[in-house]
Amino acid sequence: MLHIYRQITGLERCWPVVIAQKREGVDRFPFEPVYVVGKPPTHFLRRFWFRQLRAMPWQISRMELESLLRILRKTDARLLHIFFGHIAVHLLPLVREMLDAVKRVLVRSESSRRAVVDLGCDENKIDIMRTGIPLDEFPFRERSFPQNGEWRFVQACRLIEKKGLPTSLRAFAGFAARYPGSRLTIAGDGPLLAEVQELARELKINNRVSLTGFISQEKLREIFYASHIFLHPSETGRDGNQEGIPNSMLEAMASGLPVFATQHGGIPEAIENGVSGVLVRERDHEALTRSLLEASQDRHLLSRIARRGAEVVAEKFDRRVQVQTLEELYLEAMAAPSAGT
């Protein structure tokens, strides 16, 4: 994932190696060394055994465990950083092999920290590690807002439930009823593509909504600078899945786009309502429409929250600062007795 790539390529005092189940996007993410430990042919049966018969998450096989240990010995690894909690669950045999217990738990937001504490984690083990945004790639540009009603909205995300795409579409439909020259670009791909397309047709806005699919960072920047407002009305999924602080939202803020989002997950840690963005309740497309219509008549508000939003990203989410913080945590962990996480 891009935010992980930004972290590991920014390290200066630690030498990272990557272990993954498969390798994709070599041109987009040039990096060496990458060790691939693929799923064994029996993976489907193991997953069925754990999930259906034992009612627990699947765990890696003995063969995968031995492959991982060989790589860690070969590279003389001093520290293991598992980037996603659900992956750590699958790697429990490896964790048990190497550690008495996990030494540090890194989370993206205060809301994630509270959730991990509620799950029983010792809060003294937890550090908040913010996403790092490369500010030089998203320099602030003051926007000129349209006088002819041709507003340009953008949302950049995976097309999954927690991104609140139905709320975006319904809010945009309400806004476009007053400003029919408006357009919405949704940049990203995912399993809800067909549902998003169908809802746009039902709302009769399909000719005003552009679904780009996956695009490069260069193309995304072009869309950001050609747009007036960024939407990200995240919501809690039916499975309880929540956002930390969305990377695309922070990139949009850094570029100078005013952001309209929701009081969800870690988003309020980056956006103060009415100061550095606008927040409404989850799934409340009518409130989002009202906020957008009111803002269309208050260009000073849009300029003010755009500028303050960019300042917040520079203050709290600068990639250079966050990578330095991560490296300090690595070095501290490696220096401690029985280090590792």
C-alpha atoms as a PDB file:
ATOM      1  CA  MET A   1       0.000   0.000   0.000  1.00  0.00           C
ATOM      2  CA  LEU A   2       1.187   3.504  -0.833  1.00  0.00           C
ATOM      3  CA  HIS A   3       1.368   4.810   2.733  1.00  0.00           C
ATOM      4  CA  ILE A   4       3.521   1.829   3.772  1.00  0.00           C
ATOM      5  CA  TYR A   5       5.782   2.313   0.768  1.00  0.00           C
ATOM      6  CA  ARG A   6       6.227   5.960   1.730  1.00  0.00           C
ATOM      7  CA  GLN A   7       7.216   4.942   5.243  1.00  0.00           C
ATOM      8  CA  ILE A   8       9.776   2.292   4.442  1.00  0.00           C
ATOM      9  CA  THR A   9      11.434   4.260   1.633  1.00  0.00           C
ATOM     10  CA  GLY A  10      11.821   7.234   3.969  1.00  0.00           C
ATOM     11  CA  LEU A  11      13.853   5.333   6.577  1.00  0.00           C
ATOM     12  CA  GLU A  12      17.460   6.485   6.917  1.00  0.00           C
ATOM     13  CA  ARG A  13      18.890   4.744   9.987  1.00  0.00           C
ATOM     14  CA  CYS A  14      17.198   1.351   9.649  1.00  0.00           C
ATOM     15  CA  TRP A  15      17.516  -1.055   6.723  1.00  0.00           C
ATOM     16  CA  PRO A  16      14.097  -2.477   5.824  1.00  0.00           C
ATOM     17  CA  VAL A  17      13.332  -5.718   4.011  1.00  0.00           C
ATOM     18  CA  VAL A  18       9.830  -6.664   2.932  1.00  0.00           C
ATOM     19  CA  ILE A  19       8.100 -10.035   3.256  1.00  0.00           C
ATOM     20  CA  ALA A  20       4.832 -10.472   1.390  1.00  0.00           C
ATOM     21  CA  GLN A  21       2.507 -13.187   0.080  1.00  0.00           C
ATOM     22  CA  LYS A  22       2.795 -11.879  -3.477  1.00  0.00           C
ATOM     23  CA  ARG A  23       4.383  -9.019  -5.358  1.00  0.00           C
ATOM     24  CA  GLU A  24       2.496  -6.620  -7.609  1.00  0.00           C
ATOM     25  CA  GLY A  25       3.085  -3.135  -9.017  1.00  0.00           C
ATOM     26  CA  VAL A  26       6.859  -3.452  -9.340  1.00  0.00           C
ATOM     27  CA  ASP A  27       7.023  -0.384 -11.587  1.00  0.00           C
ATOM     28  CA  ARG A  28       4.879   1.655  -9.225  1.00  0.00           C
ATOM     29  CA  PHE A  29       6.686   0.478  -6.070  1.00  0.00           C
ATOM     30  CA  PRO A  30      10.337  -0.185  -6.936  1.00  0.00           C
ATOM     31  CA  PHE A  31      12.000  -1.684  -3.868  1.00  0.00           C
ATOM     32  CA  GLU A  32      14.509  -4.382  -2.929  1.00  0.00           C
ATOM     33  CA  PRO A  33      14.748  -6.763  -1.232  1.00  0.00           C
ATOM     34  CA  VAL A  34      11.253  -8.246  -1.282  1.00  0.00           C
ATOM     35  CA  TYR A  35      10.843 -11.864  -0.147  1.00  0.00           C
ATOM     36  CA  VAL A  36       7.683 -13.667  -1.220  1.00  0.00           C
ATOM     37  CA  VAL A  37       6.187 -16.408   0.923  1.00  0.00           C
ATOM     38  CA  GLY A  38       3.178 -17.545  -1.059  1.00  0.00           C
ATOM     39  CA  LYS A  39       0.112 -19.324   0.214  1.00  0.00           C
ATOM     40  CA  PRO A  40       0.521 -23.124   0.097  1.00  0.00           C
ATOM     41  CA  PRO A  41      -1.802 -25.257  -2.076  1.00  0.00           C
ATOM     42  CA  THR A  42      -3.633 -26.324   1.088  1.00  0.00           C
ATOM     43  CA  HIS A  43      -4.432 -22.725   2.140  1.00  0.00           C
ATOM     44  CA  PHE A  44      -8.114 -22.999   1.194  1.00  0.00           C
ATOM     45  CA  LEU A  45      -8.521 -26.121   3.308  1.00  0.00           C
ATOM     46  CA  ARG A  46      -6.706 -24.541   6.261  1.00  0.00           C
ATOM     47  CA  ARG A  47      -8.901 -21.457   6.073  1.00  0.00           C
ATOM     48  CA  PHE A  48     -12.025 -23.626   5.954  1.00  0.00           C
ATOM     49  CA  TRP A  49     -10.754 -25.690   8.907  1.00  0.00           C
ATOM     50  CA  PHE A  50     -10.090 -22.657  11.095  1.00  0.00           C
ATOM     51  CA  ARG A  51     -13.123 -20.559  10.121  1.00  0.00           C
ATOM     52  CA  GLN A  52     -15.849 -23.157   9.744  1.00  0.00           C
ATOM     53  CA  LEU A  53     -14.817 -25.940  12.095  1.00  0.00           C
ATOM     54  CA  ARG A  54     -12.889 -24.065  14.781  1.00  0.00           C
ATOM     55  CA  ALA A  55     -14.637 -20.660  14.471  1.00  0.00           C
ATOM     56  CA  MET A  56     -11.355 -18.727  14.628  1.00  0.00           C
ATOM     57  CA  PRO A  57      -9.097 -16.845  12.198  1.00  0.00           C
ATOM     58  CA  TRP A  58      -6.852 -19.046  10.079  1.00  0.00           C
ATOM     59  CA  GLN A  59      -3.168 -19.232  10.938  1.00  0.00           C
ATOM     60  CA  ILE A  60      -0.104 -19.885   8.829  1.00  0.00           C
ATOM     61  CA  SER A  61       1.063 -23.438   8.248  1.00  0.00           C
ATOM     62  CA  ARG A  62       4.265 -24.995   9.546  1.00  0.00           C
ATOM     63  CA  MET A  63       5.771 -24.688   6.064  1.00  0.00           C
ATOM     64  CA  GLU A  64       5.022 -20.935   5.933  1.00  0.00           C
ATOM     65  CA  LEU A  65       6.388 -20.507   9.451  1.00  0.00           C
ATOM     66  CA  GLU A  66       9.657 -22.192   8.514  1.00  0.00           C
ATOM     67  CA  SER A  67       9.965 -20.060   5.370  1.00  0.00           C
ATOM     68  CA  LEU A  68       9.461 -16.879   7.377  1.00  0.00           C
ATOM     69  CA  LEU A  69      11.994 -17.920   9.991  1.00  0.00           C
ATOM     70  CA  ARG A  70      14.582 -18.700   7.297  1.00  0.00           C
ATOM     71  CA  ILE A  71      14.162 -15.209   5.836  1.00  0.00           C
ATOM     72  CA  LEU A  72      14.422 -13.550   9.227  1.00  0.00           C
ATOM     73  CA  ARG A  73      17.604 -15.485  10.011  1.00  0.00           C
ATOM     74  CA  LYS A  74      19.060 -14.801   6.567  1.00  0.00           C
ATOM     75  CA  THR A  75      18.516 -11.058   6.889  1.00  0.00           C
ATOM     76  CA  ASP A  76      19.614 -10.997  10.547  1.00  0.00           C
ATOM     77  CA  ALA A  77      16.353  -9.234  11.392  1.00  0.00           C
ATOM     78  CA  ARG A  78      16.333  -7.318  14.654  1.00  0.00           C
ATOM     79  CA  LEU A  79      12.727  -6.210  14.587  1.00  0.00           C
ATOM     80  CA  LEU A  80       9.513  -7.388  12.941  1.00  0.00           C
ATOM     81  CA  HIS A  81       6.860  -4.811  12.024  1.00  0.00           C
ATOM     82  CA  ILE A  82       3.516  -6.378  11.111  1.00  0.00           C
ATOM     83  CA  PHE A  83       1.550  -3.601   9.442  1.00  0.00           C
ATOM     84  CA  PHE A  84      -2.032  -4.818   9.945  1.00  0.00           C
ATOM     85  CA  GLY A  85      -3.626  -6.264  13.056  1.00  0.00           C
ATOM     86  CA  HIS A  86      -5.523  -8.982  11.188  1.00  0.00           C
ATOM     87  CA  ILE A  87      -2.260 -10.138   9.606  1.00  0.00           C
ATOM     88  CA  ALA A  88      -0.740 -10.420  13.076  1.00  0.00           C
ATOM     89  CA  VAL A  89      -3.552 -12.813  14.002  1.00  0.00           C
ATOM     90  CA  HIS A  90      -2.729 -15.028  11.007  1.00  0.00           C
ATOM     91  CA  LEU A  91       0.966 -14.905  11.995  1.00  0.00           C
ATOM     92  CA  LEU A  92       0.456 -15.969  15.609  1.00  0.00           C
ATOM     93  CA  PRO A  93       2.656 -19.081  15.174  1.00  0.00           C
ATOM     94  CA  LEU A  94       5.519 -16.786  14.100  1.00  0.00           C
ATOM     95  CA  VAL A  95       4.854 -14.301  16.893  1.00  0.00           C
ATOM     96  CA  ARG A  96       4.883 -17.120  19.462  1.00  0.00           C
ATOM     97  CA  GLU A  97       8.115 -18.461  17.990  1.00  0.00           C
ATOM     98  CA  MET A  98       9.943 -15.140  18.245  1.00  0.00           C
ATOM     99  CA  LEU A  99       8.477 -13.240  21.170  1.00  0.00           C
ATOM    100  CA  ASP A 100       7.112 -13.695  24.631  1.00  0.00           C
ATOM    101  CA  ALA A 101       4.658 -10.923  23.833  1.00  0.00           C
ATOM    102  CA  VAL A 102       4.210  -8.041  21.418  1.00  0.00           C
ATOM    103  CA  LYS A 103       6.278  -5.118  22.665  1.00  0.00           C
ATOM    104  CA  ARG A 104       4.653  -2.185  20.871  1.00  0.00           C
ATOM    105  CA  VAL A 105       1.318  -1.646  19.131  1.00  0.00           C
ATOM    106  CA  LEU A 106       1.169   1.188  16.597  1.00  0.00           C
ATOM    107  CA  VAL A 107      -2.184   2.750  15.697  1.00  0.00           C
ATOM    108  CA  ARG A 108      -3.097   5.487  13.220  1.00  0.00           C
ATOM    109  CA  SER A 109      -5.459   7.513  15.384  1.00  0.00           C
ATOM    110  CA  GLU A 110      -6.738   8.135  18.890  1.00  0.00           C
ATOM    111  CA  SER A 111      -9.998   6.385  17.956  1.00  0.00           C
ATOM    112  CA  SER A 112      -7.996   3.283  16.978  1.00  0.00           C
ATOM    113  CA  ARG A 113      -6.062   3.497  20.247  1.00  0.00           C
ATOM    114  CA  ARG A 114      -9.309   3.464  22.231  1.00  0.00           C
ATOM    115  CA  ALA A 115     -10.579   0.505  20.221  1.00  0.00           C
ATOM    116  CA  VAL A 116      -7.388  -1.494  20.853  1.00  0.00           C
ATOM    117  CA  VAL A 117      -7.538  -0.709  24.584  1.00  0.00           C
ATOM    118  CA  ASP A 118     -11.161  -1.877  24.626  1.00  0.00           C
ATOM    119  CA  LEU A 119      -9.957  -5.162  23.129  1.00  0.00           C
ATOM    120  CA  GLY A 120      -7.708  -5.635  26.154  1.00  0.00           C
ATOM    121  CA  CYS A 121      -4.351  -4.237  25.032  1.00  0.00           C
ATOM    122  CA  ASP A 122      -2.117  -2.652  27.675  1.00  0.00           C
ATOM    123  CA  GLU A 123      -2.375   1.058  26.839  1.00  0.00           C
ATOM    124  CA  ASN A 124       1.267   1.552  27.861  1.00  0.00           C
ATOM    125  CA  LYS A 125       2.282  -0.526  24.821  1.00  0.00           C
ATOM    126  CA  ILE A 126       0.436   1.693  22.348  1.00  0.00           C
ATOM    127  CA  ASP A 127       1.932   4.495  20.265  1.00  0.00           C
ATOM    128  CA  ILE A 128      -0.017   6.664  17.833  1.00  0.00           C
ATOM    129  CA  MET A 129       1.846   6.616  14.509  1.00  0.00           C
ATOM    130  CA  ARG A 130       0.262   9.104  12.132  1.00  0.00           C
ATOM    131  CA  THR A 131       0.122   8.642   8.392  1.00  0.00           C
ATOM    132  CA  GLY A 132       2.845  10.627   6.661  1.00  0.00           C
ATOM    133  CA  ILE A 133       1.905  12.768   3.659  1.00  0.00           C
ATOM    134  CA  PRO A 134       4.664  13.933   1.268  1.00  0.00           C
ATOM    135  CA  LEU A 135       3.840  17.637   1.307  1.00  0.00           C
ATOM    136  CA  ASP A 136       6.061  18.363  -1.680  1.00  0.00           C
ATOM    137  CA  GLU A 137       3.817  16.134  -3.829  1.00  0.00           C
ATOM    138  CA  PHE A 138       0.641  17.998  -2.807  1.00  0.00           C
ATOM    139  CA  PRO A 139       1.585  21.690  -2.536  1.00  0.00           C
ATOM    140  CA  PHE A 140      -1.144  24.047  -1.417  1.00  0.00           C
ATOM    141  CA  ARG A 141      -2.953  25.947  -4.154  1.00  0.00           C
ATOM    142  CA  GLU A 142      -5.686  28.470  -3.511  1.00  0.00           C
ATOM    143  CA  ARG A 143      -8.876  27.496  -5.375  1.00  0.00           C
ATOM    144  CA  SER A 144     -11.093  29.852  -7.364  1.00  0.00           C
ATOM    145  CA  PHE A 145     -14.680  28.774  -6.853  1.00  0.00           C
ATOM    146  CA  PRO A 146     -17.090  28.823  -9.818  1.00  0.00           C
ATOM    147  CA  GLN A 147     -19.450  31.686 -10.492  1.00  0.00           C
ATOM    148  CA  ASN A 148     -21.364  29.742 -13.165  1.00  0.00           C
ATOM    149  CA  GLY A 149     -22.488  26.830 -10.975  1.00  0.00           C
ATOM    150  CA  GLU A 150     -20.103  24.326 -12.554  1.00  0.00           C
ATOM    151  CA  TRP A 151     -18.811  22.859  -9.304  1.00  0.00           C
ATOM    152  CA  ARG A 152     -16.327  19.985  -9.387  1.00  0.00           C
ATOM    153  CA  PHE A 153     -16.398  17.413  -6.578  1.00  0.00           C
ATOM    154  CA  VAL A 154     -14.035  14.504  -6.042  1.00  0.00           C
ATOM    155  CA  GLN A 155     -13.847  11.475  -3.771  1.00  0.00           C
ATOM    156  CA  ALA A 156     -10.806   9.184  -3.897  1.00  0.00           C
ATOM    157  CA  CYS A 157     -11.081   5.821  -2.174  1.00  0.00           C
ATOM    158  CA  ARG A 158     -11.546   2.101  -2.524  1.00  0.00           C
ATOM    159  CA  LEU A 159     -15.146   1.310  -3.403  1.00  0.00           C
ATOM    160  CA  ILE A 160     -16.027  -0.384  -0.139  1.00  0.00           C
ATOM    161  CA  GLU A 161     -18.778   0.079   2.426  1.00  0.00           C
ATOM    162  CA  LYS A 162     -17.015   2.236   5.015  1.00  0.00           C
ATOM    163  CA  LYS A 163     -16.224   4.965   2.453  1.00  0.00           C
ATOM    164  CA  GLY A 164     -19.863   6.154   2.460  1.00  0.00           C
ATOM    165  CA  LEU A 165     -20.258   6.293  -1.318  1.00  0.00           C
ATOM    166  CA  PRO A 166     -24.098   6.173  -1.270  1.00  0.00           C
ATOM    167  CA  THR A 167     -24.045   9.238   0.984  1.00  0.00           C
ATOM    168  CA  SER A 168     -21.750  11.025  -1.479  1.00  0.00           C
ATOM    169  CA  LEU A 169     -24.003  10.199  -4.428  1.00  0.00           C
ATOM    170  CA  ARG A 170     -27.227  11.212  -2.688  1.00  0.00           C
ATOM    171  CA  ALA A 171     -25.709  14.435  -1.357  1.00  0.00           C
ATOM    172  CA  PHE A 172     -24.339  15.277  -4.785  1.00  0.00           C
ATOM    173  CA  ALA A 173     -27.730  14.556  -6.374  1.00  0.00           C
ATOM    174  CA  GLY A 174     -29.311  17.076  -3.996  1.00  0.00           C
ATOM    175  CA  PHE A 175     -26.629  19.646  -4.768  1.00  0.00           C
ATOM    176  CA  ALA A 176     -26.865  19.068  -8.529  1.00  0.00           C
ATOM    177  CA  ALA A 177     -30.615  19.700  -8.430  1.00  0.00           C
ATOM    178  CA  ARG A 178     -29.714  23.354  -7.805  1.00  0.00           C
ATOM    179  CA  TYR A 179     -26.458  23.376  -9.792  1.00  0.00           C
ATOM    180  CA  PRO A 180     -27.030  21.068 -12.766  1.00  0.00           C
ATOM    181  CA  GLY A 181     -23.641  21.929 -14.243  1.00  0.00           C
ATOM    182  CA  SER A 182     -21.858  20.212 -11.339  1.00  0.00           C
ATOM    183  CA  ARG A 183     -19.774  17.071 -11.752  1.00  0.00           C
ATOM    184  CA  LEU A 184     -18.544  14.388  -9.329  1.00  0.00           C
ATOM    185  CA  THR A 185     -15.436  12.282  -9.939  1.00  0.00           C
ATOM    186  CA  ILE A 186     -14.994   9.075  -7.925  1.00  0.00           C
ATOM    187  CA  ALA A 187     -11.409   7.859  -8.228  1.00  0.00           C
ATOM    188  CA  GLY A 188     -10.826   4.281  -7.190  1.00  0.00           C
ATOM    189  CA  ASP A 189     -11.871   0.697  -7.685  1.00  0.00           C
ATOM    190  CA  GLY A 190     -13.392  -1.994  -5.532  1.00  0.00           C
ATOM    191  CA  PRO A 191     -16.181  -4.534  -4.999  1.00  0.00           C
ATOM    192  CA  LEU A 192     -18.999  -1.947  -4.855  1.00  0.00           C
ATOM    193  CA  LEU A 193     -18.443  -0.620  -8.376  1.00  0.00           C
ATOM    194  CA  ALA A 194     -21.647  -2.118  -9.790  1.00  0.00           C
ATOM    195  CA  GLU A 195     -23.703  -0.861  -6.828  1.00  0.00           C
ATOM    196  CA  VAL A 196     -22.289   2.640  -7.192  1.00  0.00           C
ATOM    197  CA  GLN A 197     -23.089   2.649 -10.913  1.00  0.00           C
ATOM    198  CA  GLU A 198     -26.637   1.429 -10.273  1.00  0.00           C
ATOM    199  CA  LEU A 199     -27.323   4.031  -7.571  1.00  0.00           C
ATOM    200  CA  ALA A 200     -26.035   6.813  -9.852  1.00  0.00           C
ATOM    201  CA  ARG A 201     -28.523   5.631 -12.505  1.00  0.00           C
ATOM    202  CA  GLU A 202     -31.372   5.481  -9.966  1.00  0.00           C
ATOM    203  CA  LEU A 203     -30.599   9.043  -8.857  1.00  0.00           C
ATOM    204  CA  LYS A 204     -30.417  10.129 -12.506  1.00  0.00           C
ATOM    205  CA  ILE A 205     -26.921  11.590 -12.055  1.00  0.00           C
ATOM    206  CA  ASN A 206     -24.956   8.954 -13.972  1.00  0.00           C
ATOM    207  CA  ASN A 207     -24.196  11.477 -16.734  1.00  0.00           C
ATOM    208  CA  ARG A 208     -22.673  13.801 -14.108  1.00  0.00           C
ATOM    209  CA  VAL A 209     -20.628  11.171 -12.237  1.00  0.00           C
ATOM    210  CA  SER A 210     -17.294   9.933 -13.542  1.00  0.00           C
ATOM    211  CA  LEU A 211     -15.928   6.635 -12.208  1.00  0.00           C
ATOM    212  CA  THR A 212     -12.253   6.585 -13.141  1.00  0.00           C
ATOM    213  CA  GLY A 213     -11.220   3.247 -11.667  1.00  0.00           C
ATOM    214  CA  PHE A 214      -7.705   2.968 -10.280  1.00  0.00           C
ATOM    215  CA  ILE A 215      -5.516   5.891 -11.360  1.00  0.00           C
ATOM    216  CA  SER A 216      -1.919   6.991 -10.779  1.00  0.00           C
ATOM    217  CA  GLN A 217      -0.909   9.529  -8.167  1.00  0.00           C
ATOM    218  CA  GLU A 218      -0.053  11.935 -10.983  1.00  0.00           C
ATOM    219  CA  LYS A 219      -3.571  11.702 -12.419  1.00  0.00           C
ATOM    220  CA  LEU A 220      -5.118  12.006  -8.960  1.00  0.00           C
ATOM    221  CA  ARG A 221      -3.196  15.228  -8.352  1.00  0.00           C
ATOM    222  CA  GLU A 222      -4.497  16.602 -11.633  1.00  0.00           C
ATOM    223  CA  ILE A 223      -8.066  15.867 -10.530  1.00  0.00           C
ATOM    224  CA  PHE A 224      -7.456  17.421  -7.103  1.00  0.00           C
ATOM    225  CA  TYR A 225      -6.209  20.687  -8.587  1.00  0.00           C
ATOM    226  CA  ALA A 226      -9.083  20.794 -11.078  1.00  0.00           C
ATOM    227  CA  SER A 227     -11.692  20.289  -8.314  1.00  0.00           C
ATOM    228  CA  HIS A 228     -13.363  22.586  -5.796  1.00  0.00           C
ATOM    229  CA  ILE A 229     -14.508  20.260  -2.977  1.00  0.00           C
ATOM    230  CA  PHE A 230     -13.408  16.861  -1.641  1.00  0.00           C
ATOM    231  CA  LEU A 231     -16.030  14.471  -0.237  1.00  0.00           C
ATOM    232  CA  HIS A 232     -15.327  11.657   2.213  1.00  0.00           C
ATOM    233  CA  PRO A 233     -18.467  10.791   4.248  1.00  0.00           C
ATOM    234  CA  SER A 234     -17.065   7.661   5.915  1.00  0.00           C
ATOM    235  CA  GLU A 235     -19.356   5.398   7.923  1.00  0.00           C
ATOM    236  CA  THR A 236     -19.074   2.367  10.192  1.00  0.00           C
ATOM    237  CA  GLY A 237     -19.520  -0.831   8.192  1.00  0.00           C
ATOM    238  CA  ARG A 238     -21.966  -3.545   9.126  1.00  0.00           C
ATOM    239  CA  ASP A 239     -18.996  -5.596  10.342  1.00  0.00           C
ATOM    240  CA  GLY A 240     -17.857  -2.736  12.590  1.00  0.00           C
ATOM    241  CA  ASN A 241     -15.062  -1.660  10.244  1.00  0.00           C
ATOM    242  CA  GLN A 242     -14.042   1.982  10.704  1.00  0.00           C
ATOM    243  CA  GLU A 243     -11.593   4.444   9.202  1.00  0.00           C
ATOM    244  CA  GLY A 244      -8.508   5.712  10.922  1.00  0.00           C
ATOM    245  CA  ILE A 245      -7.662   8.947   9.133  1.00  0.00           C
ATOM    246  CA  PRO A 246      -8.033   8.492   5.362  1.00  0.00           C
ATOM    247  CA  ASN A 247      -4.833   9.168   3.417  1.00  0.00           C
ATOM    248  CA  SER A 248      -6.622  10.556   0.372  1.00  0.00           C
ATOM    249  CA  MET A 249      -8.449  13.036   2.584  1.00  0.00           C
ATOM    250  CA  LEU A 250      -5.157  14.292   4.025  1.00  0.00           C
ATOM    251  CA  GLU A 251      -3.662  14.585   0.530  1.00  0.00           C
ATOM    252  CA  ALA A 252      -6.681  16.593  -0.582  1.00  0.00           C
ATOM    253  CA  MET A 253      -6.375  18.877   2.435  1.00  0.00           C
ATOM    254  CA  ALA A 254      -2.675  19.417   1.781  1.00  0.00           C
ATOM    255  CA  SER A 255      -3.432  20.402  -1.820  1.00  0.00           C
ATOM    256  CA  GLY A 256      -5.910  23.078  -0.725  1.00  0.00           C
ATOM    257  CA  LEU A 257      -9.218  21.278  -1.290  1.00  0.00           C
ATOM    258  CA  PRO A 258     -11.905  22.044   1.320  1.00  0.00           C
ATOM    259  CA  VAL A 259     -13.056  18.717   2.758  1.00  0.00           C
ATOM    260  CA  PHE A 260     -16.601  17.693   3.665  1.00  0.00           C
ATOM    261  CA  ALA A 261     -16.607  14.495   5.699  1.00  0.00           C
ATOM    262  CA  THR A 262     -18.266  12.810   8.695  1.00  0.00           C
ATOM    263  CA  GLN A 263     -17.878  12.562  12.443  1.00  0.00           C
ATOM    264  CA  HIS A 264     -16.381   9.112  12.105  1.00  0.00           C
ATOM    265  CA  GLY A 265     -13.349   7.209  13.351  1.00  0.00           C
ATOM    266  CA  GLY A 266     -10.197   9.314  13.366  1.00  0.00           C
ATOM    267  CA  ILE A 267     -11.487  11.981  10.969  1.00  0.00           C
ATOM    268  CA  PRO A 268     -12.286  14.528  13.750  1.00  0.00           C
ATOM    269  CA  GLU A 269      -8.634  14.264  14.803  1.00  0.00           C
ATOM    270  CA  ALA A 270      -7.690  15.906  11.512  1.00  0.00           C
ATOM    271  CA  ILE A 271     -10.742  18.112  10.909  1.00  0.00           C
ATOM    272  CA  GLU A 272     -12.341  20.550  13.325  1.00  0.00           C
ATOM    273  CA  ASN A 273     -15.847  21.230  12.076  1.00  0.00           C
ATOM    274  CA  GLY A 274     -16.164  24.670  10.556  1.00  0.00           C
ATOM    275  CA  VAL A 275     -12.451  25.394  11.054  1.00  0.00           C
ATOM    276  CA  SER A 276     -10.403  22.971   8.954  1.00  0.00           C
ATOM    277  CA  GLY A 277     -13.279  21.265   7.150  1.00  0.00           C
ATOM    278  CA  VAL A 278     -16.958  20.434   7.516  1.00  0.00           C
ATOM    279  CA  LEU A 279     -18.261  17.358   9.344  1.00  0.00           C
ATOM    280  CA  VAL A 280     -21.775  15.892   9.414  1.00  0.00           C
ATOM    281  CA  ARG A 281     -23.209  12.750  10.978  1.00  0.00           C
ATOM    282  CA  GLU A 282     -22.639   9.401   9.316  1.00  0.00           C
ATOM    283  CA  ARG A 283     -25.132   8.441   6.577  1.00  0.00           C
ATOM    284  CA  ASP A 284     -26.835  11.862   6.753  1.00  0.00           C
ATOM    285  CA  HIS A 285     -26.851  12.807   3.077  1.00  0.00           C
ATOM    286  CA  GLU A 286     -29.435  15.546   3.639  1.00  0.00           C
ATOM    287  CA  ALA A 287     -27.158  17.308   6.153  1.00  0.00           C
ATOM    288  CA  LEU A 288     -24.265  16.954   3.740  1.00  0.00           C
ATOM    289  CA  THR A 289     -26.320  18.453   0.913  1.00  0.00           C
ATOM    290  CA  ARG A 290     -27.330  21.389   3.124  1.00  0.00           C
ATOM    291  CA  SER A 291     -23.712  21.993   4.128  1.00  0.00           C
ATOM    292  CA  LEU A 292     -22.579  21.946   0.513  1.00  0.00           C
ATOM    293  CA  LEU A 293     -25.326  24.314  -0.615  1.00  0.00           C
ATOM    294  CA  GLU A 294     -24.599  26.724   2.219  1.00  0.00           C
ATOM    295  CA  ALA A 295     -20.879  26.634   1.417  1.00  0.00           C
ATOM    296  CA  SER A 296     -21.555  27.357  -2.241  1.00  0.00           C
ATOM    297  CA  GLN A 297     -22.855  30.740  -1.087  1.00  0.00           C
ATOM    298  CA  ASP A 298     -19.941  31.382   1.278  1.00  0.00           C
ATOM    299  CA  ARG A 299     -16.694  31.405  -0.684  1.00  0.00           C
ATOM    300  CA  HIS A 300     -14.845  32.894   2.300  1.00  0.00           C
ATOM    301  CA  LEU A 301     -15.732  29.810   4.379  1.00  0.00           C
ATOM    302  CA  LEU A 302     -14.402  27.498   1.678  1.00  0.00           C
ATOM    303  CA  SER A 303     -11.154  29.432   1.382  1.00  0.00           C
ATOM    304  CA  ARG A 304     -10.728  29.583   5.148  1.00  0.00           C
ATOM    305  CA  ILE A 305     -11.248  25.864   5.836  1.00  0.00           C
ATOM    306  CA  ALA A 306      -9.081  24.954   2.839  1.00  0.00           C
ATOM    307  CA  ARG A 307      -6.147  26.977   4.115  1.00  0.00           C
ATOM    308  CA  ARG A 308      -6.507  25.770   7.700  1.00  0.00           C
ATOM    309  CA  GLY A 309      -6.877  22.172   6.522  1.00  0.00           C
ATOM    310  CA  ALA A 310      -3.551  22.403   4.683  1.00  0.00           C
ATOM    311  CA  GLU A 311      -1.932  23.870   7.788  1.00  0.00           C
ATOM    312  CA  VAL A 312      -3.183  20.964   9.923  1.00  0.00           C
ATOM    313  CA  VAL A 313      -1.680  18.413   7.550  1.00  0.00           C
ATOM    314  CA  ALA A 314       1.646  20.253   7.586  1.00  0.00           C
ATOM    315  CA  GLU A 315       1.585  20.412  11.398  1.00  0.00           C
ATOM    316  CA  LYS A 316       0.503  16.834  12.167  1.00  0.00           C
ATOM    317  CA  PHE A 317       1.016  14.613   9.137  1.00  0.00           C
ATOM    318  CA  ASP A 318       4.272  15.656   7.446  1.00  0.00           C
ATOM    319  CA  ARG A 319       5.847  12.456   6.084  1.00  0.00           C
ATOM    320  CA  ARG A 320       9.384  13.445   7.088  1.00  0.00           C
ATOM    321  CA  VAL A 321       8.387  13.998  10.717  1.00  0.00           C
ATOM    322  CA  GLN A 322       6.297  10.840  10.924  1.00  0.00           C
ATOM    323  CA  VAL A 323       9.013   8.652   9.397  1.00  0.00           C
ATOM    324  CA  GLN A 324      11.541  10.060  11.867  1.00  0.00           C
ATOM    325  CA  THR A 325       9.152   9.237  14.702  1.00  0.00           C
ATOM    326  CA  LEU A 326       8.711   5.692  13.397  1.00  0.00           C
ATOM    327  CA  GLU A 327      12.472   5.235  13.126  1.00  0.00           C
ATOM    328  CA  GLU A 328      12.927   6.383  16.703  1.00  0.00           C
ATOM    329  CA  LEU A 329      10.401   3.750  17.809  1.00  0.00           C
ATOM    330  CA  TYR A 330      12.290   1.105  15.824  1.00  0.00           C
ATOM    331  CA  LEU A 331      15.634   2.037  17.359  1.00  0.00           C
ATOM    332  CA  GLU A 332      14.159   2.163  20.854  1.00  0.00           C
ATOM    333  CA  ALA A 333      12.612  -1.282  20.406  1.00  0.00           C
ATOM    334  CA  MET A 334      15.839  -2.774  19.049  1.00  0.00           C
ATOM    335  CA  ALA A 335      17.837  -1.348  21.925  1.00  0.00           C
ATOM    336  CA  ALA A 336      15.510  -2.813  24.559  1.00  0.00           C
ATOM    337  CA  PRO A 337      16.153  -6.267  26.047  1.00  0.00           C
ATOM    338  CA  SER A 338      14.350  -9.043  24.132  1.00  0.00           C
ATOM    339  CA  ALA A 339      13.330  -6.467  21.559  1.00  0.00           C
ATOM    340  CA  GLY A 340      10.862  -7.086  18.800  1.00  0.00           C
ATOM    341  CA  THR A 341       7.451  -6.210  17.527  1.00  0.00           C
END
